[in-house]
Amino acid sequence: MKRHHRLLRAAAVLAALVLVLTTSGILMAATATTTHTRLPMTSLSKTDNGAVLTPNSTITYDTTFTLIAPATAITLTDSLTDQYGGNFHLIGGEAVPVGGTTTGPVTCTPAPCPATPEIKLLVRSPQRETWQFFLGDLPAGTYTVTFDAKVPAVVQPWHSVRNAVDVRTSTNYLGSVQVITKP
């Protein structure tokens, strides 16, 4: 009888621990990619094309999303984060000052998405770069935004870099997704 009560108590404690960890997000934080979407966007994915974090290498990032209805003034806010301050950055955007805009280092396919959308640098620090990509008005369809990022010269075994993106229209938040790349 005592053994039965001990097992029940242990099961209850374990269930409570799982509930606390799940609701606090600790278990969810262990996943490499998280995605949240709202209509009219039905899918959103972020890939690093199977990259492995090696010194001075290049990672190609793709953000793919599907709209089931037209959307206006679509922008992507994309953050490159390197918690160790290795200056992980968008290739082709090095000379752009904070608040400045450029075209060229980012591509979007297929048309009518602008082939080289205007982009604006929002934040530049040793740990993070945040860019805004202006895609404009798009009809229903699937679109892919691609860019390359430069990996720092020093990469430690515990090092990781994160690329996260939020997708918005002029009136609504549509979704977010991230991918973490490790050595």
N, C-alpha and C. Protein backbone atom coordinates (compact mmCIF):
# COMPACT_ATOMS: atom_id res chain seq x y z
N MET A 1 0.81 -1.19 0.00
CA MET A 1 0.00 0.00 0.00
C MET A 1 0.87 1.27 0.00
N LYS A 2 1.93 1.24 0.86
CA LYS A 2 2.81 2.41 0.91
C LYS A 2 3.51 2.63 -0.43
N ARG A 3 3.91 1.54 -1.05
CA ARG A 3 4.58 1.66 -2.35
C ARG A 3 3.64 2.27 -3.38
N HIS A 4 2.39 1.87 -3.40
CA HIS A 4 1.39 2.41 -4.32
C HIS A 4 1.23 3.92 -4.12
N HIS A 5 1.18 4.37 -2.87
CA HIS A 5 1.05 5.81 -2.59
C HIS A 5 2.30 6.58 -3.03
N ARG A 6 3.48 5.98 -2.84
CA ARG A 6 4.71 6.63 -3.28
C ARG A 6 4.73 6.79 -4.81
N LEU A 7 4.30 5.76 -5.51
CA LEU A 7 4.25 5.84 -6.97
C LEU A 7 3.26 6.90 -7.43
N LEU A 8 2.10 6.96 -6.80
CA LEU A 8 1.11 7.99 -7.16
C LEU A 8 1.66 9.39 -6.90
N ARG A 9 2.33 9.56 -5.74
CA ARG A 9 2.91 10.86 -5.42
C ARG A 9 4.00 11.24 -6.42
N ALA A 10 4.85 10.30 -6.78
CA ALA A 10 5.91 10.56 -7.75
C ALA A 10 5.34 10.91 -9.12
N ALA A 11 4.29 10.22 -9.53
CA ALA A 11 3.65 10.52 -10.81
C ALA A 11 3.03 11.91 -10.79
N ALA A 12 2.42 12.29 -9.67
CA ALA A 12 1.80 13.62 -9.55
C ALA A 12 2.86 14.71 -9.61
N VAL A 13 3.98 14.50 -8.93
CA VAL A 13 5.07 15.48 -8.95
C VAL A 13 5.64 15.61 -10.35
N LEU A 14 5.85 14.49 -11.03
CA LEU A 14 6.36 14.52 -12.39
C LEU A 14 5.40 15.24 -13.34
N ALA A 15 4.11 14.97 -13.22
CA ALA A 15 3.11 15.64 -14.06
C ALA A 15 3.10 17.15 -13.80
N ALA A 16 3.21 17.54 -12.54
CA ALA A 16 3.24 18.97 -12.20
C ALA A 16 4.49 19.64 -12.78
N LEU A 17 5.62 18.95 -12.71
CA LEU A 17 6.86 19.50 -13.27
C LEU A 17 6.77 19.68 -14.78
N VAL A 18 6.24 18.70 -15.48
CA VAL A 18 6.06 18.80 -16.93
C VAL A 18 5.13 19.95 -17.27
N LEU A 19 4.05 20.12 -16.52
CA LEU A 19 3.11 21.21 -16.75
C LEU A 19 3.79 22.57 -16.56
N VAL A 20 4.56 22.71 -15.50
CA VAL A 20 5.26 23.98 -15.24
C VAL A 20 6.27 24.27 -16.34
N LEU A 21 7.07 23.28 -16.73
CA LEU A 21 8.07 23.50 -17.78
C LEU A 21 7.42 23.82 -19.12
N THR A 22 6.34 23.16 -19.45
CA THR A 22 5.67 23.40 -20.72
C THR A 22 5.05 24.79 -20.77
N THR A 23 4.36 25.18 -19.71
CA THR A 23 3.71 26.49 -19.72
C THR A 23 4.70 27.63 -19.61
N SER A 24 5.86 27.40 -19.03
CA SER A 24 6.85 28.47 -18.94
C SER A 24 7.68 28.59 -20.21
N GLY A 25 7.52 27.65 -21.13
CA GLY A 25 8.21 27.75 -22.41
C GLY A 25 9.59 27.11 -22.43
N ILE A 26 10.02 26.53 -21.32
CA ILE A 26 11.36 25.95 -21.28
C ILE A 26 11.47 24.78 -22.24
N LEU A 27 10.47 23.91 -22.28
CA LEU A 27 10.54 22.79 -23.21
C LEU A 27 10.44 23.27 -24.65
N MET A 28 9.64 24.29 -24.90
CA MET A 28 9.50 24.81 -26.26
C MET A 28 10.78 25.49 -26.72
N ALA A 29 11.54 26.08 -25.79
CA ALA A 29 12.77 26.78 -26.16
C ALA A 29 13.84 25.83 -26.65
N ALA A 30 13.69 24.55 -26.37
CA ALA A 30 14.69 23.58 -26.80
C ALA A 30 14.58 23.23 -28.28
N THR A 31 13.51 23.65 -28.94
CA THR A 31 13.35 23.33 -30.36
C THR A 31 14.13 24.32 -31.20
N ALA A 32 14.62 23.89 -32.34
CA ALA A 32 15.44 24.74 -33.20
C ALA A 32 14.60 25.74 -33.98
N THR A 33 13.38 25.40 -34.32
CA THR A 33 12.54 26.28 -35.12
C THR A 33 11.16 26.38 -34.50
N THR A 34 10.67 27.61 -34.37
CA THR A 34 9.30 27.81 -33.90
C THR A 34 8.58 28.67 -34.92
N THR A 35 7.32 28.36 -35.16
CA THR A 35 6.55 29.09 -36.16
C THR A 35 5.19 29.44 -35.60
N HIS A 36 4.77 30.69 -35.82
CA HIS A 36 3.44 31.14 -35.45
C HIS A 36 2.89 31.92 -36.64
N THR A 37 1.68 31.60 -37.09
CA THR A 37 1.10 32.30 -38.24
C THR A 37 -0.35 32.68 -37.98
N ARG A 38 -0.82 33.69 -38.74
CA ARG A 38 -2.21 34.13 -38.73
C ARG A 38 -2.65 34.34 -40.17
N LEU A 39 -3.96 34.21 -40.41
CA LEU A 39 -4.50 34.43 -41.76
C LEU A 39 -4.24 35.86 -42.20
N PRO A 40 -4.01 36.12 -43.48
CA PRO A 40 -4.14 35.23 -44.63
C PRO A 40 -2.91 34.37 -44.90
N MET A 41 -1.91 34.38 -43.98
CA MET A 41 -0.74 33.54 -44.19
C MET A 41 -1.01 32.16 -43.58
N THR A 42 -0.80 31.12 -44.38
CA THR A 42 -1.08 29.77 -43.90
C THR A 42 0.17 28.96 -43.62
N SER A 43 1.32 29.38 -44.14
CA SER A 43 2.56 28.69 -43.80
C SER A 43 3.71 29.68 -43.82
N LEU A 44 4.69 29.40 -42.97
CA LEU A 44 5.88 30.25 -42.86
C LEU A 44 7.02 29.34 -42.42
N SER A 45 8.13 29.37 -43.16
CA SER A 45 9.28 28.56 -42.78
C SER A 45 10.57 29.35 -42.97
N LYS A 46 11.57 28.99 -42.20
CA LYS A 46 12.88 29.64 -42.25
C LYS A 46 13.91 28.52 -42.28
N THR A 47 14.79 28.53 -43.28
CA THR A 47 15.81 27.49 -43.37
C THR A 47 17.19 28.12 -43.50
N ASP A 48 18.18 27.37 -43.06
CA ASP A 48 19.57 27.80 -43.22
C ASP A 48 20.30 26.91 -44.21
N ASN A 49 19.55 26.24 -45.06
CA ASN A 49 20.10 25.40 -46.14
C ASN A 49 21.12 24.38 -45.65
N GLY A 50 20.87 23.80 -44.48
CA GLY A 50 21.75 22.76 -43.95
C GLY A 50 23.11 23.25 -43.53
N ALA A 51 23.23 24.53 -43.25
CA ALA A 51 24.52 25.13 -42.91
C ALA A 51 25.05 24.61 -41.58
N VAL A 52 26.36 24.58 -41.49
CA VAL A 52 27.06 24.29 -40.24
C VAL A 52 27.90 25.52 -39.94
N LEU A 53 27.89 25.95 -38.69
CA LEU A 53 28.60 27.15 -38.29
C LEU A 53 30.11 26.90 -38.29
N THR A 54 30.81 27.46 -39.28
CA THR A 54 32.27 27.37 -39.35
C THR A 54 32.82 28.77 -39.55
N PRO A 55 34.04 29.06 -39.06
CA PRO A 55 34.60 30.40 -39.15
C PRO A 55 34.63 30.94 -40.59
N ASN A 56 34.24 32.20 -40.73
CA ASN A 56 34.28 32.93 -42.01
C ASN A 56 33.46 32.29 -43.12
N SER A 57 32.50 31.47 -42.77
CA SER A 57 31.66 30.85 -43.80
C SER A 57 30.44 31.72 -44.09
N THR A 58 29.65 31.30 -45.05
CA THR A 58 28.43 32.01 -45.43
C THR A 58 27.24 31.08 -45.21
N ILE A 59 26.19 31.63 -44.62
CA ILE A 59 24.94 30.89 -44.45
C ILE A 59 23.90 31.55 -45.34
N THR A 60 23.23 30.77 -46.17
CA THR A 60 22.14 31.29 -47.00
C THR A 60 20.83 30.99 -46.29
N TYR A 61 20.08 32.05 -45.99
CA TYR A 61 18.79 31.91 -45.32
C TYR A 61 17.65 32.10 -46.31
N ASP A 62 16.65 31.24 -46.22
CA ASP A 62 15.42 31.37 -47.01
C ASP A 62 14.25 31.50 -46.05
N THR A 63 13.39 32.48 -46.31
CA THR A 63 12.12 32.60 -45.60
C THR A 63 11.04 32.38 -46.64
N THR A 64 10.22 31.36 -46.46
CA THR A 64 9.15 31.04 -47.41
C THR A 64 7.81 31.17 -46.71
N PHE A 65 6.88 31.88 -47.36
CA PHE A 65 5.55 32.04 -46.77
C PHE A 65 4.49 31.91 -47.86
N THR A 66 3.30 31.48 -47.45
CA THR A 66 2.18 31.31 -48.36
C THR A 66 1.01 32.17 -47.90
N LEU A 67 0.48 32.96 -48.85
CA LEU A 67 -0.71 33.78 -48.61
C LEU A 67 -1.89 33.13 -49.32
N ILE A 68 -3.04 33.02 -48.64
CA ILE A 68 -4.24 32.48 -49.30
C ILE A 68 -5.15 33.59 -49.79
N ALA A 69 -4.76 34.83 -49.51
CA ALA A 69 -5.51 36.00 -49.98
C ALA A 69 -4.51 37.13 -50.18
N PRO A 70 -4.86 38.13 -51.00
CA PRO A 70 -3.94 39.26 -51.18
C PRO A 70 -3.66 39.96 -49.85
N ALA A 71 -2.47 40.53 -49.73
CA ALA A 71 -2.09 41.29 -48.54
C ALA A 71 -1.36 42.55 -48.99
N THR A 72 -1.53 43.63 -48.22
CA THR A 72 -0.93 44.91 -48.60
C THR A 72 0.22 45.28 -47.67
N ALA A 73 1.17 45.99 -48.24
CA ALA A 73 2.31 46.56 -47.50
C ALA A 73 3.01 45.51 -46.63
N ILE A 74 3.41 44.42 -47.24
CA ILE A 74 4.08 43.35 -46.49
C ILE A 74 5.52 43.75 -46.19
N THR A 75 5.90 43.58 -44.93
CA THR A 75 7.28 43.80 -44.50
C THR A 75 7.74 42.59 -43.69
N LEU A 76 9.01 42.27 -43.83
CA LEU A 76 9.64 41.25 -43.01
C LEU A 76 10.67 41.96 -42.14
N THR A 77 10.62 41.74 -40.84
CA THR A 77 11.64 42.26 -39.94
C THR A 77 12.51 41.08 -39.55
N ASP A 78 13.76 41.10 -39.98
CA ASP A 78 14.65 39.96 -39.85
C ASP A 78 15.82 40.31 -38.94
N SER A 79 16.05 39.51 -37.90
CA SER A 79 17.15 39.75 -36.96
C SER A 79 18.16 38.62 -37.01
N LEU A 80 19.43 39.00 -37.15
CA LEU A 80 20.56 38.08 -37.08
C LEU A 80 21.18 38.28 -35.71
N THR A 81 21.21 37.23 -34.89
CA THR A 81 21.69 37.36 -33.52
C THR A 81 22.85 36.41 -33.26
N ASP A 82 23.93 36.97 -32.73
CA ASP A 82 25.11 36.20 -32.34
C ASP A 82 25.42 36.59 -30.90
N GLN A 83 25.05 35.74 -29.95
CA GLN A 83 25.16 36.14 -28.55
C GLN A 83 26.59 36.38 -28.08
N TYR A 84 27.59 35.94 -28.84
CA TYR A 84 28.98 36.14 -28.44
C TYR A 84 29.62 37.34 -29.11
N GLY A 85 28.86 38.13 -29.84
CA GLY A 85 29.38 39.37 -30.39
C GLY A 85 30.38 39.20 -31.50
N GLY A 86 30.14 38.26 -32.40
CA GLY A 86 31.09 38.01 -33.47
C GLY A 86 30.80 38.76 -34.75
N ASN A 87 29.88 39.73 -34.71
CA ASN A 87 29.52 40.53 -35.88
C ASN A 87 28.97 39.68 -37.03
N PHE A 88 28.06 38.81 -36.72
CA PHE A 88 27.30 38.03 -37.69
C PHE A 88 26.45 39.04 -38.46
N HIS A 89 26.57 39.11 -39.79
CA HIS A 89 25.88 40.18 -40.50
C HIS A 89 25.43 39.79 -41.91
N LEU A 90 24.48 40.57 -42.42
CA LEU A 90 23.96 40.42 -43.78
C LEU A 90 25.04 40.83 -44.78
N ILE A 91 25.38 39.92 -45.69
CA ILE A 91 26.39 40.23 -46.71
C ILE A 91 25.80 41.22 -47.71
N GLY A 92 26.53 42.29 -47.99
CA GLY A 92 26.07 43.33 -48.90
C GLY A 92 25.46 44.51 -48.17
N GLY A 93 25.28 44.40 -46.86
CA GLY A 93 24.69 45.49 -46.10
C GLY A 93 25.67 46.14 -45.14
N GLU A 94 26.95 45.78 -45.23
CA GLU A 94 27.94 46.28 -44.28
C GLU A 94 28.07 47.79 -44.27
N ALA A 95 27.93 48.44 -45.42
CA ALA A 95 28.15 49.88 -45.52
C ALA A 95 26.90 50.71 -45.22
N VAL A 96 25.77 50.05 -45.00
CA VAL A 96 24.52 50.78 -44.75
C VAL A 96 24.50 51.26 -43.30
N PRO A 97 24.30 52.58 -43.08
CA PRO A 97 24.21 53.07 -41.70
C PRO A 97 22.86 52.73 -41.09
N VAL A 98 22.79 52.73 -39.77
CA VAL A 98 21.51 52.49 -39.09
C VAL A 98 20.51 53.54 -39.57
N GLY A 99 19.34 53.10 -39.98
CA GLY A 99 18.31 53.98 -40.54
C GLY A 99 18.42 54.13 -42.04
N GLY A 100 19.53 53.65 -42.63
CA GLY A 100 19.74 53.75 -44.07
C GLY A 100 19.06 52.62 -44.82
N THR A 101 18.87 52.82 -46.13
CA THR A 101 18.23 51.81 -46.97
C THR A 101 19.14 51.45 -48.14
N THR A 102 18.87 50.29 -48.72
CA THR A 102 19.60 49.82 -49.90
C THR A 102 18.76 48.78 -50.62
N THR A 103 19.20 48.36 -51.78
CA THR A 103 18.62 47.22 -52.48
C THR A 103 19.76 46.33 -52.93
N GLY A 104 19.49 45.08 -53.21
CA GLY A 104 20.52 44.22 -53.76
C GLY A 104 20.88 43.00 -52.97
N PRO A 105 21.19 43.11 -51.64
CA PRO A 105 21.65 41.90 -50.96
C PRO A 105 20.55 40.89 -50.64
N VAL A 106 19.29 41.24 -50.87
CA VAL A 106 18.16 40.36 -50.58
C VAL A 106 17.38 40.14 -51.87
N THR A 107 16.94 38.90 -52.11
CA THR A 107 16.11 38.61 -53.28
C THR A 107 14.78 38.04 -52.84
N CYS A 108 13.76 38.24 -53.68
CA CYS A 108 12.43 37.69 -53.43
C CYS A 108 11.91 37.10 -54.73
N THR A 109 11.34 35.90 -54.66
CA THR A 109 10.77 35.24 -55.84
C THR A 109 9.45 34.61 -55.45
N PRO A 110 8.56 34.37 -56.38
CA PRO A 110 8.51 34.81 -57.77
C PRO A 110 7.87 36.19 -57.86
N ALA A 111 7.82 36.73 -59.10
CA ALA A 111 7.10 37.99 -59.34
C ALA A 111 5.63 37.74 -58.99
N PRO A 112 4.95 38.72 -58.51
CA PRO A 112 5.22 40.16 -58.46
C PRO A 112 6.01 40.62 -57.25
N CYS A 113 6.53 39.70 -56.44
CA CYS A 113 7.40 40.10 -55.34
C CYS A 113 8.61 40.81 -55.94
N PRO A 114 9.03 41.96 -55.41
CA PRO A 114 10.17 42.66 -56.01
C PRO A 114 11.43 41.79 -55.96
N ALA A 115 12.11 41.65 -57.09
CA ALA A 115 13.28 40.78 -57.17
C ALA A 115 14.36 41.19 -56.18
N THR A 116 14.58 42.49 -56.02
CA THR A 116 15.52 43.01 -55.03
C THR A 116 14.80 44.08 -54.22
N PRO A 117 14.10 43.68 -53.18
CA PRO A 117 13.31 44.65 -52.41
C PRO A 117 14.19 45.67 -51.68
N GLU A 118 13.60 46.81 -51.40
CA GLU A 118 14.28 47.81 -50.58
C GLU A 118 14.38 47.24 -49.17
N ILE A 119 15.54 47.44 -48.54
CA ILE A 119 15.73 47.00 -47.17
C ILE A 119 16.26 48.16 -46.34
N LYS A 120 15.93 48.15 -45.05
CA LYS A 120 16.34 49.22 -44.15
C LYS A 120 16.99 48.61 -42.91
N LEU A 121 18.16 49.15 -42.53
CA LEU A 121 18.85 48.68 -41.33
C LEU A 121 18.24 49.37 -40.10
N LEU A 122 17.68 48.57 -39.19
CA LEU A 122 17.07 49.12 -37.98
C LEU A 122 18.02 49.13 -36.79
N VAL A 123 18.82 48.05 -36.62
CA VAL A 123 19.73 47.92 -35.48
C VAL A 123 21.03 47.28 -35.95
N ARG A 124 22.16 47.82 -35.48
CA ARG A 124 23.46 47.16 -35.70
C ARG A 124 24.24 47.26 -34.39
N SER A 125 24.58 46.11 -33.84
CA SER A 125 25.41 46.03 -32.64
C SER A 125 26.30 44.80 -32.79
N PRO A 126 27.29 44.63 -31.90
CA PRO A 126 28.13 43.43 -32.02
C PRO A 126 27.34 42.13 -31.92
N GLN A 127 26.21 42.15 -31.23
CA GLN A 127 25.42 40.94 -31.06
C GLN A 127 24.27 40.79 -32.04
N ARG A 128 23.85 41.86 -32.70
CA ARG A 128 22.63 41.76 -33.51
C ARG A 128 22.58 42.77 -34.65
N GLU A 129 22.00 42.31 -35.77
CA GLU A 129 21.59 43.19 -36.87
C GLU A 129 20.12 42.92 -37.12
N THR A 130 19.34 43.99 -37.25
CA THR A 130 17.92 43.84 -37.56
C THR A 130 17.62 44.66 -38.81
N TRP A 131 17.02 43.99 -39.79
CA TRP A 131 16.70 44.59 -41.08
C TRP A 131 15.20 44.52 -41.33
N GLN A 132 14.69 45.49 -42.07
CA GLN A 132 13.30 45.45 -42.52
C GLN A 132 13.31 45.33 -44.04
N PHE A 133 12.60 44.32 -44.56
CA PHE A 133 12.50 44.08 -46.00
C PHE A 133 11.11 44.52 -46.45
N PHE A 134 11.03 45.42 -47.43
CA PHE A 134 9.75 45.94 -47.91
C PHE A 134 9.35 45.19 -49.18
N LEU A 135 8.31 44.36 -49.09
CA LEU A 135 7.86 43.57 -50.24
C LEU A 135 6.66 44.18 -50.94
N GLY A 136 5.94 45.08 -50.28
CA GLY A 136 4.80 45.74 -50.91
C GLY A 136 3.54 44.89 -50.90
N ASP A 137 2.66 45.15 -51.87
CA ASP A 137 1.39 44.44 -51.98
C ASP A 137 1.60 43.16 -52.77
N LEU A 138 1.10 42.04 -52.24
CA LEU A 138 1.26 40.75 -52.93
C LEU A 138 -0.07 40.02 -53.03
N PRO A 139 -0.31 39.38 -54.17
CA PRO A 139 -1.51 38.54 -54.29
C PRO A 139 -1.28 37.20 -53.57
N ALA A 140 -2.33 36.40 -53.51
CA ALA A 140 -2.19 35.06 -52.92
C ALA A 140 -1.10 34.30 -53.67
N GLY A 141 -0.33 33.50 -52.95
CA GLY A 141 0.74 32.73 -53.57
C GLY A 141 1.81 32.39 -52.55
N THR A 142 2.84 31.70 -52.99
CA THR A 142 3.97 31.32 -52.14
C THR A 142 5.20 32.10 -52.58
N TYR A 143 5.89 32.71 -51.62
CA TYR A 143 7.03 33.58 -51.90
C TYR A 143 8.23 33.16 -51.06
N THR A 144 9.43 33.38 -51.61
CA THR A 144 10.67 33.07 -50.90
C THR A 144 11.59 34.28 -50.92
N VAL A 145 12.04 34.68 -49.74
CA VAL A 145 13.00 35.77 -49.57
C VAL A 145 14.33 35.12 -49.17
N THR A 146 15.42 35.47 -49.88
CA THR A 146 16.72 34.84 -49.67
C THR A 146 17.80 35.88 -49.44
N PHE A 147 18.72 35.59 -48.51
CA PHE A 147 19.90 36.43 -48.33
C PHE A 147 21.02 35.60 -47.72
N ASP A 148 22.24 36.13 -47.81
CA ASP A 148 23.42 35.47 -47.25
C ASP A 148 23.89 36.23 -46.02
N ALA A 149 24.38 35.48 -45.03
CA ALA A 149 24.93 36.08 -43.81
C ALA A 149 26.35 35.58 -43.61
N LYS A 150 27.21 36.47 -43.13
CA LYS A 150 28.63 36.15 -42.89
C LYS A 150 28.79 35.66 -41.45
N VAL A 151 29.44 34.51 -41.29
CA VAL A 151 29.71 33.94 -39.97
C VAL A 151 30.99 34.58 -39.43
N PRO A 152 31.06 34.85 -38.12
CA PRO A 152 32.25 35.46 -37.54
C PRO A 152 33.51 34.61 -37.75
N ALA A 153 34.68 35.25 -37.59
CA ALA A 153 35.96 34.57 -37.77
C ALA A 153 36.25 33.57 -36.66
N VAL A 154 35.69 33.81 -35.48
CA VAL A 154 35.91 32.92 -34.34
C VAL A 154 34.60 32.24 -34.00
N VAL A 155 34.62 30.91 -34.01
CA VAL A 155 33.43 30.13 -33.66
C VAL A 155 33.86 29.10 -32.62
N GLN A 156 33.22 29.14 -31.46
CA GLN A 156 33.51 28.19 -30.39
C GLN A 156 32.52 27.02 -30.45
N PRO A 157 32.85 25.87 -29.84
CA PRO A 157 31.94 24.72 -29.88
C PRO A 157 30.56 25.01 -29.29
N TRP A 158 30.46 25.94 -28.34
CA TRP A 158 29.19 26.28 -27.71
C TRP A 158 28.46 27.42 -28.43
N HIS A 159 29.05 27.92 -29.45
CA HIS A 159 28.54 29.07 -30.21
C HIS A 159 27.28 28.68 -31.00
N SER A 160 26.35 29.59 -31.12
CA SER A 160 25.21 29.41 -32.02
C SER A 160 24.75 30.78 -32.50
N VAL A 161 24.16 30.81 -33.68
CA VAL A 161 23.61 32.05 -34.21
C VAL A 161 22.14 31.80 -34.53
N ARG A 162 21.35 32.86 -34.38
CA ARG A 162 19.91 32.73 -34.57
C ARG A 162 19.46 33.72 -35.63
N ASN A 163 18.56 33.28 -36.48
CA ASN A 163 17.95 34.16 -37.45
C ASN A 163 16.44 34.06 -37.26
N ALA A 164 15.82 35.18 -36.91
CA ALA A 164 14.37 35.21 -36.66
C ALA A 164 13.73 36.24 -37.56
N VAL A 165 12.49 35.99 -37.96
CA VAL A 165 11.78 36.92 -38.84
C VAL A 165 10.33 37.06 -38.38
N ASP A 166 9.82 38.29 -38.44
CA ASP A 166 8.39 38.59 -38.25
C ASP A 166 7.85 39.07 -39.58
N VAL A 167 6.66 38.61 -39.95
CA VAL A 167 6.00 39.04 -41.18
C VAL A 167 4.78 39.86 -40.79
N ARG A 168 4.65 41.05 -41.39
CA ARG A 168 3.53 41.96 -41.08
C ARG A 168 2.96 42.57 -42.35
N THR A 169 1.71 43.02 -42.24
CA THR A 169 1.11 43.86 -43.28
C THR A 169 0.93 45.24 -42.67
N SER A 170 0.32 46.16 -43.41
CA SER A 170 0.10 47.50 -42.88
C SER A 170 -0.84 47.49 -41.68
N THR A 171 -1.67 46.47 -41.56
CA THR A 171 -2.67 46.46 -40.50
C THR A 171 -2.60 45.25 -39.57
N ASN A 172 -1.72 44.29 -39.83
CA ASN A 172 -1.81 43.04 -39.10
C ASN A 172 -0.47 42.33 -38.98
N TYR A 173 -0.28 41.64 -37.88
CA TYR A 173 0.84 40.72 -37.69
C TYR A 173 0.43 39.38 -38.28
N LEU A 174 1.29 38.81 -39.14
CA LEU A 174 0.95 37.53 -39.78
C LEU A 174 1.70 36.34 -39.19
N GLY A 175 2.94 36.51 -38.76
CA GLY A 175 3.64 35.36 -38.22
C GLY A 175 5.10 35.62 -37.91
N SER A 176 5.70 34.63 -37.24
CA SER A 176 7.13 34.69 -36.92
C SER A 176 7.71 33.29 -36.95
N VAL A 177 8.99 33.24 -37.23
CA VAL A 177 9.70 31.96 -37.28
C VAL A 177 11.18 32.23 -37.03
N GLN A 178 11.89 31.23 -36.51
CA GLN A 178 13.33 31.38 -36.30
C GLN A 178 14.03 30.06 -36.57
N VAL A 179 15.33 30.17 -36.83
CA VAL A 179 16.17 28.99 -36.99
C VAL A 179 17.49 29.28 -36.28
N ILE A 180 18.05 28.25 -35.62
CA ILE A 180 19.31 28.38 -34.90
C ILE A 180 20.34 27.48 -35.59
N THR A 181 21.51 28.06 -35.89
CA THR A 181 22.58 27.31 -36.55
C THR A 181 23.74 27.14 -35.56
N LYS A 182 24.25 25.91 -35.47
CA LYS A 182 25.33 25.59 -34.52
C LYS A 182 26.51 24.96 -35.25
N PRO A 183 27.69 24.93 -34.59
CA PRO A 183 28.86 24.29 -35.20
C PRO A 183 28.65 22.80 -35.39
